[in-house]
Amino acid sequence: MTESRDEWIMKRAYSLWEEEGYPTGRDSAHWEQATKERAVMETTAPHGLEVKPKTRRSAAAPTTSKSNGATPPAAVAAKSKSKKGVSAKV
């Protein structure tokens, strides 16, 4: 069951009063603060639901813990062998 705006403000004002140690003569200040908090809540989140930002995915390919972005030694050796074979035929 959802509570009305006034019920929420009343409960929040009561909580503020309790947090301050039950002071006398501060009821209007607590009510105003609760009203302002409710207004902020209504403008920042639709229907009182929490809005979480979406996470962005990286455009770069994921790397493994073994890879540091360098070419593996076996690939380097294969490239150098093929180059040697081409230059030797000249």
N, C-alpha and C. Protein backbone atom coordinates (compact mmCIF):
# COMPACT_ATOMS: atom_id res chain seq x y z
N MET A 1 0.84 -1.18 0.00
CA MET A 1 0.00 0.00 0.00
C MET A 1 0.89 1.24 0.00
N THR A 2 0.59 2.17 -0.87
CA THR A 2 1.38 3.38 -0.94
C THR A 2 0.82 4.43 0.01
N GLU A 3 1.71 5.20 0.56
CA GLU A 3 1.27 6.25 1.47
C GLU A 3 1.14 7.57 0.71
N SER A 4 0.25 8.42 1.18
CA SER A 4 0.04 9.69 0.51
C SER A 4 1.20 10.64 0.80
N ARG A 5 1.24 11.71 0.05
CA ARG A 5 2.30 12.71 0.21
C ARG A 5 2.32 13.26 1.64
N ASP A 6 1.14 13.60 2.16
CA ASP A 6 1.05 14.16 3.51
C ASP A 6 1.48 13.16 4.58
N GLU A 7 1.14 11.89 4.37
CA GLU A 7 1.57 10.87 5.32
C GLU A 7 3.09 10.75 5.35
N TRP A 8 3.70 10.80 4.15
CA TRP A 8 5.17 10.72 4.07
C TRP A 8 5.80 11.91 4.78
N ILE A 9 5.27 13.10 4.53
CA ILE A 9 5.81 14.31 5.17
C ILE A 9 5.65 14.23 6.69
N MET A 10 4.51 13.77 7.15
CA MET A 10 4.26 13.66 8.58
C MET A 10 5.27 12.69 9.23
N LYS A 11 5.50 11.54 8.59
CA LYS A 11 6.44 10.56 9.14
C LYS A 11 7.86 11.09 9.13
N ARG A 12 8.21 11.80 8.07
CA ARG A 12 9.57 12.35 7.97
C ARG A 12 9.77 13.46 9.00
N ALA A 13 8.79 14.32 9.17
CA ALA A 13 8.88 15.39 10.18
C ALA A 13 9.02 14.79 11.58
N TYR A 14 8.30 13.73 11.84
CA TYR A 14 8.40 13.04 13.14
C TYR A 14 9.81 12.47 13.33
N SER A 15 10.36 11.88 12.27
CA SER A 15 11.72 11.33 12.34
C SER A 15 12.75 12.42 12.63
N LEU A 16 12.57 13.58 11.98
CA LEU A 16 13.48 14.70 12.22
C LEU A 16 13.39 15.17 13.67
N TRP A 17 12.18 15.20 14.20
CA TRP A 17 11.96 15.60 15.59
C TRP A 17 12.66 14.62 16.54
N GLU A 18 12.54 13.33 16.24
CA GLU A 18 13.21 12.32 17.06
C GLU A 18 14.73 12.44 16.98
N GLU A 19 15.25 12.65 15.76
CA GLU A 19 16.70 12.77 15.56
C GLU A 19 17.29 13.94 16.34
N GLU A 20 16.50 15.01 16.50
CA GLU A 20 16.99 16.20 17.21
C GLU A 20 16.79 16.10 18.72
N GLY A 21 16.26 14.99 19.20
CA GLY A 21 16.11 14.82 20.64
C GLY A 21 14.81 15.34 21.19
N TYR A 22 13.75 15.35 20.42
CA TYR A 22 12.41 15.74 20.85
C TYR A 22 12.31 17.20 21.34
N PRO A 23 12.84 18.16 20.57
CA PRO A 23 12.76 19.55 21.03
C PRO A 23 11.33 20.10 20.91
N THR A 24 11.01 21.07 21.75
CA THR A 24 9.69 21.71 21.67
C THR A 24 9.79 22.96 20.80
N GLY A 25 8.70 23.27 20.11
CA GLY A 25 8.64 24.49 19.32
C GLY A 25 9.31 24.41 17.95
N ARG A 26 9.68 23.23 17.48
CA ARG A 26 10.36 23.11 16.19
C ARG A 26 9.51 22.34 15.18
N ASP A 27 8.24 22.16 15.49
CA ASP A 27 7.39 21.36 14.62
C ASP A 27 7.24 21.95 13.23
N SER A 28 7.12 23.28 13.12
CA SER A 28 6.97 23.89 11.79
C SER A 28 8.28 23.78 10.98
N ALA A 29 9.43 23.86 11.65
CA ALA A 29 10.71 23.72 10.96
C ALA A 29 10.87 22.30 10.43
N HIS A 30 10.47 21.32 11.23
CA HIS A 30 10.56 19.92 10.80
C HIS A 30 9.61 19.66 9.63
N TRP A 31 8.42 20.23 9.71
CA TRP A 31 7.43 20.05 8.64
C TRP A 31 7.95 20.68 7.34
N GLU A 32 8.53 21.87 7.42
CA GLU A 32 9.08 22.54 6.23
C GLU A 32 10.21 21.72 5.62
N GLN A 33 11.11 21.22 6.46
CA GLN A 33 12.23 20.44 5.95
C GLN A 33 11.72 19.16 5.29
N ALA A 34 10.76 18.50 5.90
CA ALA A 34 10.20 17.28 5.33
C ALA A 34 9.51 17.57 3.99
N THR A 35 8.81 18.71 3.93
CA THR A 35 8.14 19.11 2.69
C THR A 35 9.16 19.36 1.58
N LYS A 36 10.27 20.03 1.90
CA LYS A 36 11.32 20.29 0.91
C LYS A 36 11.96 18.99 0.44
N GLU A 37 12.23 18.07 1.38
CA GLU A 37 12.82 16.79 1.00
C GLU A 37 11.90 16.01 0.07
N ARG A 38 10.60 16.06 0.35
CA ARG A 38 9.64 15.35 -0.51
C ARG A 38 9.60 15.97 -1.90
N ALA A 39 9.67 17.30 -1.98
CA ALA A 39 9.66 17.97 -3.28
C ALA A 39 10.88 17.59 -4.10
N VAL A 40 12.03 17.52 -3.45
CA VAL A 40 13.26 17.11 -4.15
C VAL A 40 13.12 15.68 -4.63
N MET A 41 12.60 14.83 -3.77
CA MET A 41 12.43 13.42 -4.13
C MET A 41 11.48 13.27 -5.32
N GLU A 42 10.43 14.06 -5.36
CA GLU A 42 9.46 13.97 -6.45
C GLU A 42 10.03 14.47 -7.77
N THR A 43 10.94 15.43 -7.72
CA THR A 43 11.50 15.96 -8.96
C THR A 43 12.68 15.15 -9.48
N THR A 44 13.36 14.40 -8.61
CA THR A 44 14.54 13.65 -9.05
C THR A 44 14.25 12.21 -9.43
N ALA A 45 13.22 11.61 -8.91
CA ALA A 45 12.93 10.21 -9.22
C ALA A 45 11.44 10.06 -9.56
N PRO A 46 11.14 9.37 -10.66
CA PRO A 46 9.74 9.19 -11.03
C PRO A 46 9.01 8.28 -10.05
N HIS A 47 7.91 8.74 -9.52
CA HIS A 47 7.04 7.98 -8.64
C HIS A 47 7.76 7.44 -7.40
N GLY A 48 8.80 8.15 -6.96
CA GLY A 48 9.49 7.75 -5.75
C GLY A 48 10.43 6.56 -5.92
N LEU A 49 10.67 6.14 -7.15
CA LEU A 49 11.57 5.02 -7.38
C LEU A 49 13.00 5.52 -7.49
N GLU A 50 13.92 4.70 -7.05
CA GLU A 50 15.33 5.08 -7.12
C GLU A 50 15.82 4.95 -8.56
N VAL A 51 16.52 5.98 -9.04
CA VAL A 51 17.05 5.97 -10.39
C VAL A 51 18.54 5.67 -10.31
N LYS A 52 18.95 4.58 -10.97
CA LYS A 52 20.36 4.20 -10.98
C LYS A 52 20.94 4.49 -12.37
N PRO A 53 22.12 5.09 -12.42
CA PRO A 53 22.72 5.36 -13.73
C PRO A 53 23.14 4.06 -14.40
N LYS A 54 23.04 4.04 -15.73
CA LYS A 54 23.45 2.86 -16.48
C LYS A 54 24.97 2.82 -16.56
N THR A 55 25.50 1.62 -16.54
CA THR A 55 26.94 1.47 -16.67
C THR A 55 27.30 1.43 -18.14
N ARG A 56 28.41 2.04 -18.47
CA ARG A 56 28.86 2.07 -19.86
C ARG A 56 29.86 0.95 -20.08
N ARG A 57 29.76 0.35 -21.24
CA ARG A 57 30.71 -0.70 -21.59
C ARG A 57 31.87 -0.08 -22.35
N SER A 58 33.02 -0.64 -22.13
CA SER A 58 34.22 -0.16 -22.78
C SER A 58 34.22 -0.62 -24.23
N ALA A 59 34.70 0.23 -25.15
CA ALA A 59 34.79 -0.12 -26.55
C ALA A 59 35.98 -1.02 -26.83
N ALA A 60 36.98 -1.00 -25.96
CA ALA A 60 38.16 -1.82 -26.14
C ALA A 60 37.86 -3.28 -25.82
N ALA A 61 38.58 -4.17 -26.48
CA ALA A 61 38.41 -5.60 -26.23
C ALA A 61 38.96 -5.93 -24.84
N PRO A 62 38.33 -6.84 -24.15
CA PRO A 62 38.84 -7.20 -22.83
C PRO A 62 40.18 -7.91 -22.93
N THR A 63 41.02 -7.67 -21.94
CA THR A 63 42.33 -8.32 -21.92
C THR A 63 42.35 -9.33 -20.80
N THR A 64 43.16 -10.37 -20.96
CA THR A 64 43.28 -11.36 -19.91
C THR A 64 44.38 -10.94 -18.96
N SER A 65 44.48 -11.61 -17.84
CA SER A 65 45.48 -11.26 -16.85
C SER A 65 46.89 -11.54 -17.36
N LYS A 66 47.05 -12.49 -18.30
CA LYS A 66 48.37 -12.82 -18.84
C LYS A 66 48.80 -11.82 -19.92
N SER A 67 47.86 -11.19 -20.57
CA SER A 67 48.19 -10.30 -21.68
C SER A 67 48.39 -8.88 -21.20
N ASN A 68 49.43 -8.25 -21.69
CA ASN A 68 49.65 -6.84 -21.38
C ASN A 68 49.50 -5.98 -22.62
N GLY A 69 48.90 -6.54 -23.67
CA GLY A 69 48.69 -5.80 -24.90
C GLY A 69 49.81 -6.01 -25.91
N ALA A 70 50.90 -6.67 -25.52
CA ALA A 70 52.02 -6.91 -26.42
C ALA A 70 51.77 -8.16 -27.25
N THR A 71 52.46 -8.26 -28.36
CA THR A 71 52.34 -9.42 -29.22
C THR A 71 53.04 -10.60 -28.55
N PRO A 72 52.41 -11.77 -28.53
CA PRO A 72 53.04 -12.93 -27.89
C PRO A 72 54.35 -13.29 -28.60
N PRO A 73 55.34 -13.81 -27.88
CA PRO A 73 56.63 -14.14 -28.47
C PRO A 73 56.53 -15.13 -29.62
N ALA A 74 55.62 -16.09 -29.58
CA ALA A 74 55.49 -17.07 -30.67
C ALA A 74 55.07 -16.38 -31.97
N ALA A 75 54.19 -15.38 -31.86
CA ALA A 75 53.75 -14.66 -33.06
C ALA A 75 54.89 -13.82 -33.63
N VAL A 76 55.72 -13.25 -32.76
CA VAL A 76 56.86 -12.46 -33.22
C VAL A 76 57.84 -13.37 -33.95
N ALA A 77 58.10 -14.55 -33.41
CA ALA A 77 59.03 -15.50 -34.03
C ALA A 77 58.51 -15.95 -35.38
N ALA A 78 57.22 -16.19 -35.51
CA ALA A 78 56.65 -16.62 -36.78
C ALA A 78 56.77 -15.53 -37.83
N LYS A 79 56.56 -14.28 -37.43
CA LYS A 79 56.68 -13.16 -38.37
C LYS A 79 58.12 -13.01 -38.83
N SER A 80 59.08 -13.12 -37.92
CA SER A 80 60.48 -12.93 -38.30
C SER A 80 60.96 -14.07 -39.19
N LYS A 81 60.48 -15.29 -39.01
CA LYS A 81 60.85 -16.42 -39.87
C LYS A 81 60.33 -16.20 -41.27
N SER A 82 59.10 -15.72 -41.40
CA SER A 82 58.53 -15.52 -42.73
C SER A 82 59.25 -14.40 -43.46
N LYS A 83 59.69 -13.39 -42.75
CA LYS A 83 60.42 -12.29 -43.38
C LYS A 83 61.79 -12.76 -43.84
N LYS A 84 62.44 -13.60 -43.04
CA LYS A 84 63.76 -14.11 -43.41
C LYS A 84 63.65 -14.96 -44.67
N GLY A 85 62.61 -15.75 -44.78
CA GLY A 85 62.42 -16.60 -45.95
C GLY A 85 62.20 -15.80 -47.21
N VAL A 86 61.49 -14.68 -47.12
CA VAL A 86 61.22 -13.84 -48.29
C VAL A 86 62.49 -13.12 -48.71
N SER A 87 63.25 -12.59 -47.79
CA SER A 87 64.45 -11.85 -48.14
C SER A 87 65.56 -12.76 -48.65
N ALA A 88 65.58 -14.02 -48.23
CA ALA A 88 66.63 -14.94 -48.67
C ALA A 88 66.45 -15.34 -50.12
N LYS A 89 65.24 -15.27 -50.65
CA LYS A 89 64.97 -15.67 -52.05
C LYS A 89 65.37 -14.58 -53.02
N VAL A 90 65.71 -13.41 -52.58
CA VAL A 90 66.03 -12.29 -53.48
C VAL A 90 67.30 -12.47 -54.17
